[in-house]
């Protein structure tokens, strides 16, 4: 009898847990994002309306950050002390500032310093590009330094200048090697673009926040937001993998 009593004791607890879970399920309001209803379809369309701004913001910022990162990385490879020091100082200073702080500073502080009015889109682009450029500079520096010294010597032996050697010999090889890292930075940029919502950028996260205020259904709406970012990142990752195979960047040197 004692053994039976011990076995039967957990049953009320399991019953209470099941009732609690069923009660939570009953409070879910997935109807707010149900495409089978007019209201749900309207809400989904509203959420997806921020997708183009997220993509445009991320792509613009990554193009600028890659270009700026290369410009910063090249002096860091110089044999002279001061160009290397300037490159290192830029990387350390920019890399130390959180992205959210950079966004707020660019949007609210930069106009006061320059006297220019900056919209939310370009404020987000500038902040993201500046923050990412320090990481891009380190990626380029590591990729260029990984190229064997014999490649330089071979280029100089056929009378190529230093600029032509970097352009036609070193950089093409370095880009193939750092392509996975550049792809990771693009994914990182798309995720960090959600922080631009704090200054009013109408991207995915801002759209979700506004809908939560009107519908009072954060769980359901933010779940859709998670799925949106998941689908976007998976597509971008697949594109980067395809480009790696296309260029042979995933092959061992």
C-alpha atoms as a PDB file:
ATOM      1  CA  UNK A   1       0.000   0.000   0.000  1.00  0.00           C
ATOM      2  CA  UNK A   2       2.810   2.352   0.853  1.00  0.00           C
ATOM      3  CA  UNK A   3       4.452   1.799  -2.517  1.00  0.00           C
ATOM      4  CA  UNK A   4       1.181   2.504  -4.349  1.00  0.00           C
ATOM      5  CA  UNK A   5       0.733   5.719  -2.391  1.00  0.00           C
ATOM      6  CA  UNK A   6       4.196   6.895  -3.370  1.00  0.00           C
ATOM      7  CA  UNK A   7       3.499   6.214  -7.035  1.00  0.00           C
ATOM      8  CA  UNK A   8       0.149   8.006  -6.970  1.00  0.00           C
ATOM      9  CA  UNK A   9       1.473  11.179  -5.351  1.00  0.00           C
ATOM     10  CA  UNK A  10       2.859  12.864  -8.528  1.00  0.00           C
ATOM     11  CA  UNK A  11      -0.445  12.566 -10.365  1.00  0.00           C
ATOM     12  CA  UNK A  12      -2.119  15.685  -8.896  1.00  0.00           C
ATOM     13  CA  UNK A  13       1.000  17.693  -9.731  1.00  0.00           C
ATOM     14  CA  UNK A  14       0.971  16.494 -13.318  1.00  0.00           C
ATOM     15  CA  UNK A  15      -2.713  17.281 -13.571  1.00  0.00           C
ATOM     16  CA  UNK A  16      -2.177  20.812 -12.294  1.00  0.00           C
ATOM     17  CA  UNK A  17       0.708  21.323 -14.750  1.00  0.00           C
ATOM     18  CA  UNK A  18      -1.445  20.106 -17.632  1.00  0.00           C
ATOM     19  CA  UNK A  19      -4.253  22.438 -16.615  1.00  0.00           C
ATOM     20  CA  UNK A  20      -1.847  25.359 -16.378  1.00  0.00           C
ATOM     21  CA  UNK A  21      -0.438  24.677 -19.836  1.00  0.00           C
ATOM     22  CA  UNK A  22      -3.884  24.315 -21.324  1.00  0.00           C
ATOM     23  CA  UNK A  23      -4.895  27.579 -19.711  1.00  0.00           C
ATOM     24  CA  UNK A  24      -1.895  29.326 -21.288  1.00  0.00           C
ATOM     25  CA  UNK A  25      -2.721  27.845 -24.644  1.00  0.00           C
ATOM     26  CA  UNK A  26      -6.237  29.170 -24.328  1.00  0.00           C
ATOM     27  CA  UNK A  27      -4.841  32.679 -23.870  1.00  0.00           C
ATOM     28  CA  UNK A  28      -2.839  32.621 -27.074  1.00  0.00           C
ATOM     29  CA  UNK A  29      -4.116  34.969 -29.734  1.00  0.00           C
ATOM     30  CA  UNK A  30      -2.706  33.683 -32.970  1.00  0.00           C
ATOM     31  CA  UNK A  31      -5.672  35.179 -34.759  1.00  0.00           C
ATOM     32  CA  UNK A  32      -3.757  38.485 -34.914  1.00  0.00           C
ATOM     33  CA  UNK A  33      -1.369  36.940 -37.453  1.00  0.00           C
ATOM     34  CA  UNK A  34      -3.702  34.395 -39.024  1.00  0.00           C
ATOM     35  CA  UNK A  35      -3.592  34.898 -42.814  1.00  0.00           C
ATOM     36  CA  UNK A  36      -7.029  33.286 -43.142  1.00  0.00           C
ATOM     37  CA  UNK A  37      -8.656  36.365 -41.643  1.00  0.00           C
ATOM     38  CA  UNK A  38      -8.661  39.877 -43.041  1.00  0.00           C
ATOM     39  CA  UNK A  39      -7.229  41.350 -39.843  1.00  0.00           C
ATOM     40  CA  UNK A  40      -4.524  38.705 -39.612  1.00  0.00           C
ATOM     41  CA  UNK A  41      -3.527  39.188 -43.248  1.00  0.00           C
ATOM     42  CA  UNK A  42      -3.388  42.958 -42.765  1.00  0.00           C
ATOM     43  CA  UNK A  43      -1.136  42.531 -39.728  1.00  0.00           C
ATOM     44  CA  UNK A  44       1.178  40.157 -41.587  1.00  0.00           C
ATOM     45  CA  UNK A  45       1.416  42.559 -44.515  1.00  0.00           C
ATOM     46  CA  UNK A  46       2.242  45.350 -42.063  1.00  0.00           C
ATOM     47  CA  UNK A  47       5.024  43.269 -40.505  1.00  0.00           C
ATOM     48  CA  UNK A  48       6.469  42.260 -43.870  1.00  0.00           C
ATOM     49  CA  UNK A  49       6.444  45.904 -44.941  1.00  0.00           C
ATOM     50  CA  UNK A  50       9.638  46.412 -42.955  1.00  0.00           C
ATOM     51  CA  UNK A  51      11.518  43.700 -44.827  1.00  0.00           C
ATOM     52  CA  UNK A  52      12.666  45.905 -47.702  1.00  0.00           C
ATOM     53  CA  UNK A  53      14.061  48.500 -45.305  1.00  0.00           C
ATOM     54  CA  UNK A  54      15.963  45.855 -43.355  1.00  0.00           C
ATOM     55  CA  UNK A  55      17.518  44.469 -46.541  1.00  0.00           C
ATOM     56  CA  UNK A  56      18.296  47.885 -48.043  1.00  0.00           C
ATOM     57  CA  UNK A  57      19.762  49.166 -44.779  1.00  0.00           C
ATOM     58  CA  UNK A  58      21.943  46.080 -44.308  1.00  0.00           C
ATOM     59  CA  UNK A  59      23.217  45.907 -47.890  1.00  0.00           C
ATOM     60  CA  UNK A  60      24.050  49.615 -48.053  1.00  0.00           C
ATOM     61  CA  UNK A  61      25.859  49.493 -44.727  1.00  0.00           C
ATOM     62  CA  UNK A  62      27.851  46.348 -45.598  1.00  0.00           C
ATOM     63  CA  UNK A  63      29.037  47.802 -48.925  1.00  0.00           C
ATOM     64  CA  UNK A  64      30.270  50.943 -47.182  1.00  0.00           C
ATOM     65  CA  UNK A  65      31.819  49.043 -44.281  1.00  0.00           C
ATOM     66  CA  UNK A  66      33.707  46.654 -46.578  1.00  0.00           C
ATOM     67  CA  UNK A  67      35.094  49.562 -48.607  1.00  0.00           C
ATOM     68  CA  UNK A  68      36.031  51.523 -45.498  1.00  0.00           C
ATOM     69  CA  UNK A  69      37.475  48.430 -43.857  1.00  0.00           C
ATOM     70  CA  UNK A  70      39.800  47.856 -46.819  1.00  0.00           C
ATOM     71  CA  UNK A  71      40.926  51.493 -46.710  1.00  0.00           C
ATOM     72  CA  UNK A  72      41.687  51.146 -42.990  1.00  0.00           C
ATOM     73  CA  UNK A  73      43.391  47.753 -43.368  1.00  0.00           C
ATOM     74  CA  UNK A  74      45.942  48.768 -46.023  1.00  0.00           C
ATOM     75  CA  UNK A  75      47.806  51.327 -43.850  1.00  0.00           C
ATOM     76  CA  UNK A  76      47.896  48.685 -41.122  1.00  0.00           C
ATOM     77  CA  UNK A  77      50.075  46.560 -43.432  1.00  0.00           C
ATOM     78  CA  UNK A  78      52.540  49.357 -44.070  1.00  0.00           C
ATOM     79  CA  UNK A  79      56.167  49.017 -42.998  1.00  0.00           C
ATOM     80  CA  UNK A  80      56.001  52.531 -41.587  1.00  0.00           C
ATOM     81  CA  UNK A  81      55.109  52.996 -37.959  1.00  0.00           C
ATOM     82  CA  UNK A  82      52.623  55.880 -38.126  1.00  0.00           C
ATOM     83  CA  UNK A  83      50.242  54.416 -40.736  1.00  0.00           C
ATOM     84  CA  UNK A  84      50.127  51.176 -38.725  1.00  0.00           C
ATOM     85  CA  UNK A  85      49.474  53.104 -35.527  1.00  0.00           C
ATOM     86  CA  UNK A  86      46.673  55.142 -37.133  1.00  0.00           C
ATOM     87  CA  UNK A  87      45.012  51.989 -38.466  1.00  0.00           C
ATOM     88  CA  UNK A  88      45.276  50.239 -35.099  1.00  0.00           C
ATOM     89  CA  UNK A  89      43.922  53.283 -33.250  1.00  0.00           C
ATOM     90  CA  UNK A  90      40.880  53.471 -35.540  1.00  0.00           C
ATOM     91  CA  UNK A  91      40.131  49.777 -35.120  1.00  0.00           C
ATOM     92  CA  UNK A  92      40.461  49.822 -31.339  1.00  0.00           C
ATOM     93  CA  UNK A  93      38.399  52.987 -30.853  1.00  0.00           C
ATOM     94  CA  UNK A  94      35.537  52.063 -33.178  1.00  0.00           C
ATOM     95  CA  UNK A  95      35.423  48.449 -32.046  1.00  0.00           C
ATOM     96  CA  UNK A  96      35.082  49.544 -28.426  1.00  0.00           C
ATOM     97  CA  UNK A  97      31.836  51.492 -28.970  1.00  0.00           C
ATOM     98  CA  UNK A  98      28.598  49.441 -28.750  1.00  0.00           C
ATOM     99  CA  UNK A  99      26.495  49.588 -31.902  1.00  0.00           C
ATOM    100  CA  UNK A 100      23.434  50.940 -30.092  1.00  0.00           C
ATOM    101  CA  UNK A 101      25.500  53.772 -28.628  1.00  0.00           C
ATOM    102  CA  UNK A 102      26.954  54.495 -32.078  1.00  0.00           C
ATOM    103  CA  UNK A 103      23.466  54.679 -33.589  1.00  0.00           C
ATOM    104  CA  UNK A 104      22.274  57.137 -30.934  1.00  0.00           C
ATOM    105  CA  UNK A 105      25.428  59.246 -31.238  1.00  0.00           C
ATOM    106  CA  UNK A 106      25.244  59.464 -35.034  1.00  0.00           C
ATOM    107  CA  UNK A 107      21.537  60.308 -35.065  1.00  0.00           C
ATOM    108  CA  UNK A 108      21.502  62.830 -32.219  1.00  0.00           C
ATOM    109  CA  UNK A 109      25.109  63.995 -31.949  1.00  0.00           C
ATOM    110  CA  UNK A 110      26.491  64.114 -35.488  1.00  0.00           C
ATOM    111  CA  UNK A 111      23.958  66.717 -36.733  1.00  0.00           C
ATOM    112  CA  UNK A 112      25.008  69.058 -33.928  1.00  0.00           C
ATOM    113  CA  UNK A 113      28.673  68.695 -34.875  1.00  0.00           C
ATOM    114  CA  UNK A 114      28.208  69.059 -38.628  1.00  0.00           C
ATOM    115  CA  UNK A 115      25.079  71.199 -38.823  1.00  0.00           C
ATOM    116  CA  UNK A 116      23.603  68.712 -41.309  1.00  0.00           C
ATOM    117  CA  UNK A 117      20.242  67.033 -40.965  1.00  0.00           C
ATOM    118  CA  UNK A 118      20.530  63.246 -41.113  1.00  0.00           C
ATOM    119  CA  UNK A 119      17.491  61.036 -41.689  1.00  0.00           C
ATOM    120  CA  UNK A 120      16.949  57.811 -39.800  1.00  0.00           C
ATOM    121  CA  UNK A 121      17.979  55.664 -42.782  1.00  0.00           C
ATOM    122  CA  UNK A 122      21.356  57.290 -43.351  1.00  0.00           C
ATOM    123  CA  UNK A 123      21.972  57.616 -39.626  1.00  0.00           C
ATOM    124  CA  UNK A 124      21.503  53.871 -39.364  1.00  0.00           C
ATOM    125  CA  UNK A 125      23.703  53.211 -42.388  1.00  0.00           C
ATOM    126  CA  UNK A 126      26.513  55.434 -41.101  1.00  0.00           C
ATOM    127  CA  UNK A 127      26.401  53.936 -37.610  1.00  0.00           C
ATOM    128  CA  UNK A 128      26.314  50.328 -38.791  1.00  0.00           C
ATOM    129  CA  UNK A 129      29.007  50.920 -41.415  1.00  0.00           C
ATOM    130  CA  UNK A 130      31.335  52.635 -38.947  1.00  0.00           C
ATOM    131  CA  UNK A 131      30.895  49.918 -36.335  1.00  0.00           C
ATOM    132  CA  UNK A 132      31.411  47.104 -38.822  1.00  0.00           C
ATOM    133  CA  UNK A 133      34.324  48.733 -40.655  1.00  0.00           C
ATOM    134  CA  UNK A 134      36.677  48.005 -37.755  1.00  0.00           C
ATOM    135  CA  UNK A 135      35.872  44.304 -37.965  1.00  0.00           C
ATOM    136  CA  UNK A 136      36.150  44.353 -41.745  1.00  0.00           C
ATOM    137  CA  UNK A 137      39.584  45.959 -41.455  1.00  0.00           C
ATOM    138  CA  UNK A 138      40.801  43.127 -39.256  1.00  0.00           C
ATOM    139  CA  UNK A 139      39.334  40.547 -41.631  1.00  0.00           C
ATOM    140  CA  UNK A 140      41.119  42.120 -44.597  1.00  0.00           C
ATOM    141  CA  UNK A 141      44.376  42.449 -42.681  1.00  0.00           C
ATOM    142  CA  UNK A 142      44.321  38.790 -41.702  1.00  0.00           C
ATOM    143  CA  UNK A 143      43.401  37.691 -45.223  1.00  0.00           C
ATOM    144  CA  UNK A 144      46.139  39.737 -46.890  1.00  0.00           C
ATOM    145  CA  UNK A 145      48.760  38.603 -44.391  1.00  0.00           C
ATOM    146  CA  UNK A 146      47.832  34.975 -45.088  1.00  0.00           C
ATOM    147  CA  UNK A 147      49.067  35.270 -48.687  1.00  0.00           C
ATOM    148  CA  UNK A 148      52.519  33.795 -49.093  1.00  0.00           C
ATOM    149  CA  UNK A 149      55.433  36.188 -49.531  1.00  0.00           C
ATOM    150  CA  UNK A 150      56.329  34.416 -52.755  1.00  0.00           C
ATOM    151  CA  UNK A 151      53.253  35.897 -54.409  1.00  0.00           C
ATOM    152  CA  UNK A 152      54.657  39.402 -53.867  1.00  0.00           C
ATOM    153  CA  UNK A 153      58.070  38.387 -55.130  1.00  0.00           C
ATOM    154  CA  UNK A 154      56.589  36.780 -58.245  1.00  0.00           C
ATOM    155  CA  UNK A 155      54.571  39.925 -59.004  1.00  0.00           C
ATOM    156  CA  UNK A 156      57.600  42.195 -58.515  1.00  0.00           C
ATOM    157  CA  UNK A 157      59.670  39.943 -60.743  1.00  0.00           C
ATOM    158  CA  UNK A 158      57.397  40.783 -63.696  1.00  0.00           C
ATOM    159  CA  UNK A 159      57.671  44.515 -62.923  1.00  0.00           C
ATOM    160  CA  UNK A 160      54.257  44.998 -61.320  1.00  0.00           C
ATOM    161  CA  UNK A 161      53.979  48.009 -59.059  1.00  0.00           C
ATOM    162  CA  UNK A 162      52.879  47.615 -55.452  1.00  0.00           C
ATOM    163  CA  UNK A 163      49.402  48.928 -56.306  1.00  0.00           C
ATOM    164  CA  UNK A 164      49.017  46.533 -59.242  1.00  0.00           C
ATOM    165  CA  UNK A 165      50.335  43.663 -57.134  1.00  0.00           C
ATOM    166  CA  UNK A 166      47.663  44.295 -54.518  1.00  0.00           C
ATOM    167  CA  UNK A 167      44.948  44.764 -57.131  1.00  0.00           C
ATOM    168  CA  UNK A 168      45.630  41.859 -59.465  1.00  0.00           C
ATOM    169  CA  UNK A 169      47.493  39.315 -57.345  1.00  0.00           C
ATOM    170  CA  UNK A 170      47.023  39.689 -53.582  1.00  0.00           C
ATOM    171  CA  UNK A 171      43.479  40.999 -53.119  1.00  0.00           C
ATOM    172  CA  UNK A 172      41.762  38.426 -55.406  1.00  0.00           C
ATOM    173  CA  UNK A 173      43.354  35.613 -53.424  1.00  0.00           C
ATOM    174  CA  UNK A 174      42.675  37.272 -50.075  1.00  0.00           C
ATOM    175  CA  UNK A 175      39.004  37.882 -50.894  1.00  0.00           C
ATOM    176  CA  UNK A 176      38.522  34.207 -51.718  1.00  0.00           C
ATOM    177  CA  UNK A 177      39.939  33.298 -48.323  1.00  0.00           C
ATOM    178  CA  UNK A 178      37.973  35.832 -46.301  1.00  0.00           C
ATOM    179  CA  UNK A 179      34.669  35.361 -48.126  1.00  0.00           C
ATOM    180  CA  UNK A 180      33.178  33.177 -45.339  1.00  0.00           C
ATOM    181  CA  UNK A 181      34.076  35.849 -42.788  1.00  0.00           C
ATOM    182  CA  UNK A 182      32.551  38.573 -44.978  1.00  0.00           C
ATOM    183  CA  UNK A 183      29.387  36.491 -45.270  1.00  0.00           C
ATOM    184  CA  UNK A 184      29.239  36.181 -41.494  1.00  0.00           C
ATOM    185  CA  UNK A 185      29.536  39.950 -41.190  1.00  0.00           C
ATOM    186  CA  UNK A 186      26.620  40.407 -43.592  1.00  0.00           C
ATOM    187  CA  UNK A 187      24.496  38.100 -41.440  1.00  0.00           C
ATOM    188  CA  UNK A 188      25.650  39.994 -38.354  1.00  0.00           C
ATOM    189  CA  UNK A 189      24.775  43.293 -40.020  1.00  0.00           C
ATOM    190  CA  UNK A 190      21.237  42.146 -40.798  1.00  0.00           C
ATOM    191  CA  UNK A 191      20.696  41.143 -37.197  1.00  0.00           C
ATOM    192  CA  UNK A 192      22.169  44.349 -35.816  1.00  0.00           C
ATOM    193  CA  UNK A 193      19.962  46.415 -38.146  1.00  0.00           C
ATOM    194  CA  UNK A 194      17.138  45.704 -35.701  1.00  0.00           C
ATOM    195  CA  UNK A 195      18.774  48.192 -33.309  1.00  0.00           C
ATOM    196  CA  UNK A 196      18.061  51.044 -35.726  1.00  0.00           C
ATOM    197  CA  UNK A 197      14.418  50.720 -34.657  1.00  0.00           C
ATOM    198  CA  UNK A 198      15.266  52.836 -31.588  1.00  0.00           C
ATOM    199  CA  UNK A 199      15.528  55.958 -33.764  1.00  0.00           C
ATOM    200  CA  UNK A 200      12.324  55.226 -35.698  1.00  0.00           C
ATOM    201  CA  UNK A 201      13.560  53.281 -38.723  1.00  0.00           C
ATOM    202  CA  UNK A 202      10.546  51.396 -40.132  1.00  0.00           C
ATOM    203  CA  UNK A 203      12.297  48.027 -40.464  1.00  0.00           C
ATOM    204  CA  UNK A 204      11.117  44.634 -39.224  1.00  0.00           C
ATOM    205  CA  UNK A 205      11.606  45.195 -35.502  1.00  0.00           C
ATOM    206  CA  UNK A 206      10.029  48.654 -35.506  1.00  0.00           C
ATOM    207  CA  UNK A 207       6.989  47.311 -37.350  1.00  0.00           C
ATOM    208  CA  UNK A 208       6.624  44.528 -34.787  1.00  0.00           C
ATOM    209  CA  UNK A 209       6.909  46.973 -31.875  1.00  0.00           C
ATOM    210  CA  UNK A 210       4.217  49.216 -33.327  1.00  0.00           C
ATOM    211  CA  UNK A 211       1.884  46.271 -33.897  1.00  0.00           C
ATOM    212  CA  UNK A 212       2.386  45.036 -30.340  1.00  0.00           C
ATOM    213  CA  UNK A 213       1.271  48.437 -29.031  1.00  0.00           C
ATOM    214  CA  UNK A 214      -1.998  48.229 -30.951  1.00  0.00           C
ATOM    215  CA  UNK A 215      -2.757  44.501 -30.648  1.00  0.00           C
ATOM    216  CA  UNK A 216      -1.320  43.731 -27.182  1.00  0.00           C
ATOM    217  CA  UNK A 217      -0.107  40.319 -28.400  1.00  0.00           C
ATOM    218  CA  UNK A 218       3.698  40.370 -27.958  1.00  0.00           C
ATOM    219  CA  UNK A 219       4.199  36.590 -27.962  1.00  0.00           C
ATOM    220  CA  UNK A 220       2.464  36.005 -31.270  1.00  0.00           C
ATOM    221  CA  UNK A 221       3.862  39.085 -33.037  1.00  0.00           C
ATOM    222  CA  UNK A 222       7.443  38.629 -31.869  1.00  0.00           C
ATOM    223  CA  UNK A 223       7.221  34.952 -32.834  1.00  0.00           C
ATOM    224  CA  UNK A 224       6.468  36.059 -36.391  1.00  0.00           C
ATOM    225  CA  UNK A 225       9.380  38.494 -36.140  1.00  0.00           C
ATOM    226  CA  UNK A 226      11.688  35.636 -35.171  1.00  0.00           C
ATOM    227  CA  UNK A 227      10.502  33.637 -38.180  1.00  0.00           C
ATOM    228  CA  UNK A 228      11.058  36.622 -40.468  1.00  0.00           C
ATOM    229  CA  UNK A 229      14.666  37.037 -39.374  1.00  0.00           C
ATOM    230  CA  UNK A 230      15.194  33.275 -39.480  1.00  0.00           C
ATOM    231  CA  UNK A 231      13.989  33.027 -43.082  1.00  0.00           C
ATOM    232  CA  UNK A 232      16.007  36.091 -44.128  1.00  0.00           C
ATOM    233  CA  UNK A 233      19.230  34.866 -42.533  1.00  0.00           C
ATOM    234  CA  UNK A 234      18.825  31.360 -43.962  1.00  0.00           C
ATOM    235  CA  UNK A 235      18.418  32.785 -47.475  1.00  0.00           C
ATOM    236  CA  UNK A 236      21.467  35.023 -47.075  1.00  0.00           C
ATOM    237  CA  UNK A 237      23.529  32.173 -45.632  1.00  0.00           C
ATOM    238  CA  UNK A 238      22.551  29.932 -48.546  1.00  0.00           C
ATOM    239  CA  UNK A 239      23.591  32.674 -50.980  1.00  0.00           C
ATOM    240  CA  UNK A 240      26.967  33.062 -49.276  1.00  0.00           C
ATOM    241  CA  UNK A 241      27.535  29.290 -49.365  1.00  0.00           C
ATOM    242  CA  UNK A 242      26.715  29.254 -53.065  1.00  0.00           C
ATOM    243  CA  UNK A 243      29.151  32.082 -53.716  1.00  0.00           C
ATOM    244  CA  UNK A 244      31.844  30.259 -51.745  1.00  0.00           C
ATOM    245  CA  UNK A 245      31.408  27.160 -53.903  1.00  0.00           C
ATOM    246  CA  UNK A 246      31.324  29.313 -57.023  1.00  0.00           C
ATOM    247  CA  UNK A 247      34.631  30.965 -56.204  1.00  0.00           C
ATOM    248  CA  UNK A 248      36.144  27.886 -54.642  1.00  0.00           C
ATOM    249  CA  UNK A 249      36.646  29.729 -51.358  1.00  0.00           C
ATOM    250  CA  UNK A 250      35.780  26.627 -49.371  1.00  0.00           C
ATOM    251  CA  UNK A 251      38.622  24.643 -50.887  1.00  0.00           C
ATOM    252  CA  UNK A 252      41.866  24.264 -49.022  1.00  0.00           C
ATOM    253  CA  UNK A 253      44.714  26.321 -50.406  1.00  0.00           C
END
